[in-house]
């Protein structure tokens, strides 16, 4: 799988059947999540009100004010604030994990 890393502030990757997240800006988001217990991953883009209007009316893709990775677990969900990372690589990671889940079913 893809390894997303912005040294030394943010890191997300898979290793030995675990999704590992290290984020020095939001230490409470750090953790290891067993891939088997993750039902899906989502990227939530938080836009300002003005940016939402531009995106809806004109169809322009505007940069998000912030991004959140939602990890849907068997017993709930966990939101991880994404800081200082390449969102395109996170999107690839999400796609790969969700494809693994679909193929498994």
N, C-alpha and C. Protein backbone atom coordinates (compact mmCIF):
# COMPACT_ATOMS: atom_id res chain seq x y z
N UNK A 1 0.83 -1.19 0.00
CA UNK A 1 0.00 0.00 0.00
C UNK A 1 0.88 1.25 0.00
N UNK A 2 0.24 2.36 -0.19
CA UNK A 2 0.89 3.65 -0.25
C UNK A 2 1.33 4.10 1.15
N UNK A 3 2.47 4.73 1.19
CA UNK A 3 2.96 5.31 2.45
C UNK A 3 2.93 6.82 2.29
N UNK A 4 2.18 7.48 3.13
CA UNK A 4 2.06 8.93 3.10
C UNK A 4 2.88 9.47 4.26
N UNK A 5 3.82 10.36 3.94
CA UNK A 5 4.69 10.88 5.00
C UNK A 5 5.10 12.30 4.70
N UNK A 6 4.99 13.15 5.66
CA UNK A 6 5.50 14.51 5.62
C UNK A 6 6.37 14.63 6.85
N UNK A 7 7.65 14.62 6.66
CA UNK A 7 8.58 14.52 7.77
C UNK A 7 8.65 15.79 8.59
N UNK A 8 8.61 15.78 9.88
CA UNK A 8 8.27 14.67 10.77
C UNK A 8 6.86 14.80 11.32
N UNK A 9 6.03 15.63 10.68
CA UNK A 9 4.75 15.99 11.29
C UNK A 9 3.64 14.95 11.13
N UNK A 10 3.57 14.30 9.98
CA UNK A 10 2.44 13.43 9.73
C UNK A 10 2.87 12.19 8.96
N UNK A 11 2.35 11.04 9.36
CA UNK A 11 2.70 9.79 8.70
C UNK A 11 1.52 8.84 8.79
N UNK A 12 1.17 8.21 7.65
CA UNK A 12 0.11 7.21 7.62
C UNK A 12 0.53 6.12 6.65
N UNK A 13 0.47 4.87 7.10
CA UNK A 13 0.88 3.76 6.26
C UNK A 13 0.33 2.46 6.83
N UNK A 14 0.46 1.38 6.04
CA UNK A 14 0.06 0.06 6.52
C UNK A 14 1.30 -0.79 6.69
N UNK A 15 1.25 -1.62 7.74
CA UNK A 15 2.36 -2.51 8.04
C UNK A 15 1.84 -3.67 8.87
N UNK A 16 2.15 -4.89 8.45
CA UNK A 16 1.76 -6.10 9.19
C UNK A 16 0.26 -6.13 9.52
N UNK A 17 -0.57 -5.84 8.54
CA UNK A 17 -2.03 -5.85 8.69
C UNK A 17 -2.56 -4.79 9.65
N UNK A 18 -1.84 -3.69 9.83
CA UNK A 18 -2.29 -2.57 10.65
C UNK A 18 -2.19 -1.28 9.86
N UNK A 19 -3.14 -0.38 10.06
CA UNK A 19 -3.06 0.99 9.56
C UNK A 19 -2.44 1.80 10.69
N UNK A 20 -1.31 2.43 10.42
CA UNK A 20 -0.57 3.15 11.46
C UNK A 20 -0.61 4.64 11.14
N UNK A 21 -0.97 5.44 12.15
CA UNK A 21 -1.05 6.89 12.00
C UNK A 21 -0.22 7.55 13.09
N UNK A 22 0.69 8.42 12.67
CA UNK A 22 1.51 9.22 13.58
C UNK A 22 1.33 10.68 13.18
N UNK A 23 0.89 11.50 14.10
CA UNK A 23 0.65 12.90 13.83
C UNK A 23 1.08 13.72 15.05
N UNK A 24 2.19 14.43 14.92
CA UNK A 24 2.70 15.18 16.07
C UNK A 24 1.83 16.39 16.40
N UNK A 25 1.04 16.89 15.43
CA UNK A 25 0.17 18.03 15.72
C UNK A 25 -1.07 17.62 16.51
N UNK A 26 -1.55 16.40 16.30
CA UNK A 26 -2.74 15.89 16.99
C UNK A 26 -2.39 14.52 17.56
N UNK A 27 -1.69 14.50 18.67
CA UNK A 27 -1.20 13.27 19.27
C UNK A 27 -2.35 12.31 19.59
N UNK A 28 -3.52 12.83 19.91
CA UNK A 28 -4.66 11.97 20.24
C UNK A 28 -5.11 11.15 19.04
N UNK A 29 -4.73 11.55 17.84
CA UNK A 29 -5.10 10.80 16.63
C UNK A 29 -4.14 9.64 16.34
N UNK A 30 -3.00 9.59 17.03
CA UNK A 30 -2.04 8.52 16.78
C UNK A 30 -2.64 7.19 17.15
N UNK A 31 -2.30 6.17 16.36
CA UNK A 31 -2.79 4.84 16.71
C UNK A 31 -2.51 3.81 15.66
N UNK A 32 -2.80 2.56 16.04
CA UNK A 32 -2.71 1.41 15.14
C UNK A 32 -4.10 0.81 15.06
N UNK A 33 -4.57 0.58 13.85
CA UNK A 33 -5.89 0.03 13.62
C UNK A 33 -5.75 -1.23 12.78
N UNK A 34 -6.26 -2.33 13.27
CA UNK A 34 -6.18 -3.59 12.53
C UNK A 34 -7.00 -3.47 11.25
N UNK A 35 -6.39 -3.80 10.10
CA UNK A 35 -7.08 -3.67 8.82
C UNK A 35 -8.35 -4.50 8.76
N UNK A 36 -8.37 -5.64 9.44
CA UNK A 36 -9.55 -6.50 9.46
C UNK A 36 -10.74 -5.81 10.12
N UNK A 37 -10.49 -4.93 11.09
CA UNK A 37 -11.58 -4.28 11.82
C UNK A 37 -12.08 -3.01 11.12
N UNK A 38 -11.39 -2.58 10.05
CA UNK A 38 -11.80 -1.38 9.32
C UNK A 38 -12.74 -1.78 8.19
N UNK A 39 -13.98 -1.25 8.24
CA UNK A 39 -14.94 -1.57 7.18
C UNK A 39 -14.75 -0.67 5.97
N UNK A 40 -14.34 0.58 6.17
CA UNK A 40 -14.05 1.48 5.05
C UNK A 40 -13.33 2.73 5.56
N UNK A 41 -12.76 3.47 4.60
CA UNK A 41 -12.12 4.75 4.88
C UNK A 41 -12.79 5.81 4.03
N UNK A 42 -12.92 7.03 4.56
CA UNK A 42 -13.51 8.14 3.82
C UNK A 42 -12.64 9.38 4.01
N UNK A 43 -12.61 10.22 2.98
CA UNK A 43 -11.95 11.52 3.08
C UNK A 43 -13.03 12.57 3.14
N UNK A 44 -13.05 13.35 4.19
CA UNK A 44 -14.06 14.40 4.37
C UNK A 44 -13.36 15.74 4.20
N UNK A 45 -13.80 16.50 3.20
CA UNK A 45 -13.23 17.82 2.93
C UNK A 45 -14.10 18.87 3.59
N UNK A 46 -13.52 19.68 4.45
CA UNK A 46 -14.24 20.77 5.10
C UNK A 46 -13.93 22.06 4.36
N UNK A 47 -14.95 22.63 3.73
CA UNK A 47 -14.80 23.87 2.98
C UNK A 47 -15.44 25.02 3.75
N UNK A 48 -14.93 26.21 3.52
CA UNK A 48 -15.59 27.38 4.08
C UNK A 48 -16.90 27.59 3.31
N UNK A 49 -17.80 28.36 3.85
CA UNK A 49 -19.09 28.60 3.20
C UNK A 49 -18.91 29.22 1.82
N UNK A 50 -18.01 30.17 1.71
CA UNK A 50 -17.74 30.84 0.43
C UNK A 50 -17.22 29.84 -0.61
N UNK A 51 -16.31 28.95 -0.19
CA UNK A 51 -15.77 27.94 -1.10
C UNK A 51 -16.84 26.95 -1.54
N UNK A 52 -17.77 26.62 -0.66
CA UNK A 52 -18.86 25.72 -1.03
C UNK A 52 -19.71 26.34 -2.13
N UNK A 53 -19.97 27.64 -2.00
CA UNK A 53 -20.77 28.34 -3.02
C UNK A 53 -20.05 28.31 -4.37
N UNK A 54 -18.76 28.60 -4.37
CA UNK A 54 -17.98 28.57 -5.62
C UNK A 54 -18.01 27.18 -6.24
N UNK A 55 -17.84 26.16 -5.42
CA UNK A 55 -17.79 24.79 -5.93
C UNK A 55 -19.14 24.36 -6.50
N UNK A 56 -20.22 24.71 -5.84
CA UNK A 56 -21.55 24.31 -6.29
C UNK A 56 -21.98 25.10 -7.52
N UNK A 57 -21.84 26.41 -7.50
CA UNK A 57 -22.34 27.24 -8.59
C UNK A 57 -21.46 27.14 -9.84
N UNK A 58 -20.15 27.26 -9.66
CA UNK A 58 -19.26 27.31 -10.81
C UNK A 58 -18.58 25.98 -11.13
N UNK A 59 -18.67 25.03 -10.25
CA UNK A 59 -18.07 23.72 -10.48
C UNK A 59 -16.57 23.66 -10.35
N UNK A 60 -15.96 24.71 -9.78
CA UNK A 60 -14.52 24.72 -9.58
C UNK A 60 -14.17 23.92 -8.33
N UNK A 61 -13.12 23.15 -8.42
CA UNK A 61 -12.62 22.45 -7.25
C UNK A 61 -11.70 23.39 -6.50
N UNK A 62 -12.04 23.69 -5.27
CA UNK A 62 -11.25 24.61 -4.46
C UNK A 62 -10.56 23.84 -3.34
N UNK A 63 -9.40 24.30 -2.90
CA UNK A 63 -8.71 23.60 -1.82
C UNK A 63 -9.53 23.63 -0.53
N UNK A 64 -9.52 22.52 0.16
CA UNK A 64 -10.29 22.41 1.40
C UNK A 64 -9.61 23.19 2.51
N UNK A 65 -10.44 23.71 3.40
CA UNK A 65 -9.94 24.40 4.59
C UNK A 65 -9.21 23.39 5.48
N UNK A 66 -9.78 22.19 5.58
CA UNK A 66 -9.13 21.10 6.30
C UNK A 66 -9.68 19.78 5.77
N UNK A 67 -8.95 18.72 6.02
CA UNK A 67 -9.36 17.39 5.59
C UNK A 67 -9.36 16.46 6.79
N UNK A 68 -10.30 15.53 6.78
CA UNK A 68 -10.42 14.57 7.86
C UNK A 68 -10.51 13.17 7.24
N UNK A 69 -9.77 12.24 7.79
CA UNK A 69 -9.86 10.84 7.39
C UNK A 69 -10.79 10.16 8.37
N UNK A 70 -11.90 9.62 7.86
CA UNK A 70 -12.84 8.89 8.73
C UNK A 70 -12.57 7.40 8.56
N UNK A 71 -12.26 6.76 9.67
CA UNK A 71 -12.03 5.32 9.70
C UNK A 71 -13.30 4.68 10.26
N UNK A 72 -14.03 3.99 9.40
CA UNK A 72 -15.25 3.30 9.82
C UNK A 72 -14.85 1.92 10.33
N UNK A 73 -14.99 1.75 11.65
CA UNK A 73 -14.63 0.49 12.30
C UNK A 73 -15.89 -0.34 12.53
N UNK A 74 -15.70 -1.57 12.94
CA UNK A 74 -16.84 -2.45 13.20
C UNK A 74 -17.73 -1.91 14.32
N UNK A 75 -17.14 -1.20 15.27
CA UNK A 75 -17.89 -0.72 16.43
C UNK A 75 -17.95 0.81 16.51
N UNK A 76 -17.97 1.49 15.37
CA UNK A 76 -18.06 2.95 15.35
C UNK A 76 -17.12 3.54 14.33
N UNK A 77 -16.70 4.77 14.57
CA UNK A 77 -15.77 5.41 13.65
C UNK A 77 -14.80 6.30 14.41
N UNK A 78 -13.70 6.61 13.74
CA UNK A 78 -12.67 7.49 14.31
C UNK A 78 -12.30 8.51 13.24
N UNK A 79 -12.34 9.80 13.58
CA UNK A 79 -11.96 10.87 12.66
C UNK A 79 -10.53 11.30 12.97
N UNK A 80 -9.69 11.35 11.92
CA UNK A 80 -8.29 11.74 12.04
C UNK A 80 -8.09 13.03 11.25
N UNK A 81 -7.60 14.07 11.90
CA UNK A 81 -7.31 15.33 11.22
C UNK A 81 -6.03 15.15 10.42
N UNK A 82 -6.10 15.44 9.11
CA UNK A 82 -4.94 15.30 8.24
C UNK A 82 -4.22 16.63 8.17
N UNK A 83 -2.95 16.65 8.56
CA UNK A 83 -2.16 17.87 8.54
C UNK A 83 -0.89 17.65 7.75
N UNK A 84 -0.52 18.64 6.97
CA UNK A 84 0.76 18.63 6.26
C UNK A 84 1.01 17.33 5.51
N UNK A 85 0.05 16.92 4.69
CA UNK A 85 0.26 15.69 3.92
C UNK A 85 -0.27 15.87 2.50
N UNK A 86 0.15 14.98 1.63
CA UNK A 86 -0.26 14.97 0.24
C UNK A 86 -1.62 14.28 0.15
N UNK A 87 -2.68 15.05 -0.07
CA UNK A 87 -4.04 14.52 -0.09
C UNK A 87 -4.21 13.50 -1.22
N UNK A 88 -3.52 13.69 -2.33
CA UNK A 88 -3.61 12.73 -3.45
C UNK A 88 -3.14 11.34 -3.00
N UNK A 89 -2.06 11.29 -2.21
CA UNK A 89 -1.57 10.00 -1.72
C UNK A 89 -2.55 9.39 -0.71
N UNK A 90 -3.19 10.24 0.09
CA UNK A 90 -4.19 9.75 1.03
C UNK A 90 -5.37 9.17 0.26
N UNK A 91 -5.78 9.83 -0.82
CA UNK A 91 -6.88 9.32 -1.65
C UNK A 91 -6.52 7.95 -2.23
N UNK A 92 -5.27 7.76 -2.64
CA UNK A 92 -4.83 6.46 -3.17
C UNK A 92 -4.88 5.40 -2.07
N UNK A 93 -4.43 5.76 -0.87
CA UNK A 93 -4.47 4.84 0.27
C UNK A 93 -5.90 4.42 0.57
N UNK A 94 -6.82 5.38 0.56
CA UNK A 94 -8.23 5.09 0.81
C UNK A 94 -8.78 4.15 -0.26
N UNK A 95 -8.47 4.45 -1.51
CA UNK A 95 -8.94 3.62 -2.62
C UNK A 95 -8.43 2.19 -2.49
N UNK A 96 -7.12 2.04 -2.21
CA UNK A 96 -6.54 0.70 -2.09
C UNK A 96 -7.17 -0.09 -0.95
N UNK A 97 -7.35 0.55 0.21
CA UNK A 97 -7.95 -0.16 1.35
C UNK A 97 -9.39 -0.54 1.05
N UNK A 98 -10.16 0.37 0.46
CA UNK A 98 -11.56 0.05 0.16
C UNK A 98 -11.66 -1.05 -0.89
N UNK A 99 -10.74 -1.09 -1.86
CA UNK A 99 -10.72 -2.16 -2.85
C UNK A 99 -10.41 -3.50 -2.19
N UNK A 100 -9.48 -3.51 -1.23
CA UNK A 100 -9.17 -4.75 -0.51
C UNK A 100 -10.40 -5.26 0.21
N UNK A 101 -11.17 -4.35 0.81
CA UNK A 101 -12.38 -4.75 1.54
C UNK A 101 -13.41 -5.32 0.59
N UNK A 102 -13.61 -4.68 -0.56
CA UNK A 102 -14.58 -5.15 -1.53
C UNK A 102 -14.18 -6.52 -2.08
N UNK A 103 -12.92 -6.68 -2.41
CA UNK A 103 -12.43 -7.96 -2.95
C UNK A 103 -12.54 -9.09 -1.94
N UNK A 104 -12.40 -8.77 -0.67
CA UNK A 104 -12.50 -9.77 0.38
C UNK A 104 -13.93 -10.29 0.52
N UNK A 105 -14.90 -9.38 0.32
CA UNK A 105 -16.30 -9.77 0.45
C UNK A 105 -16.69 -10.58 -0.76
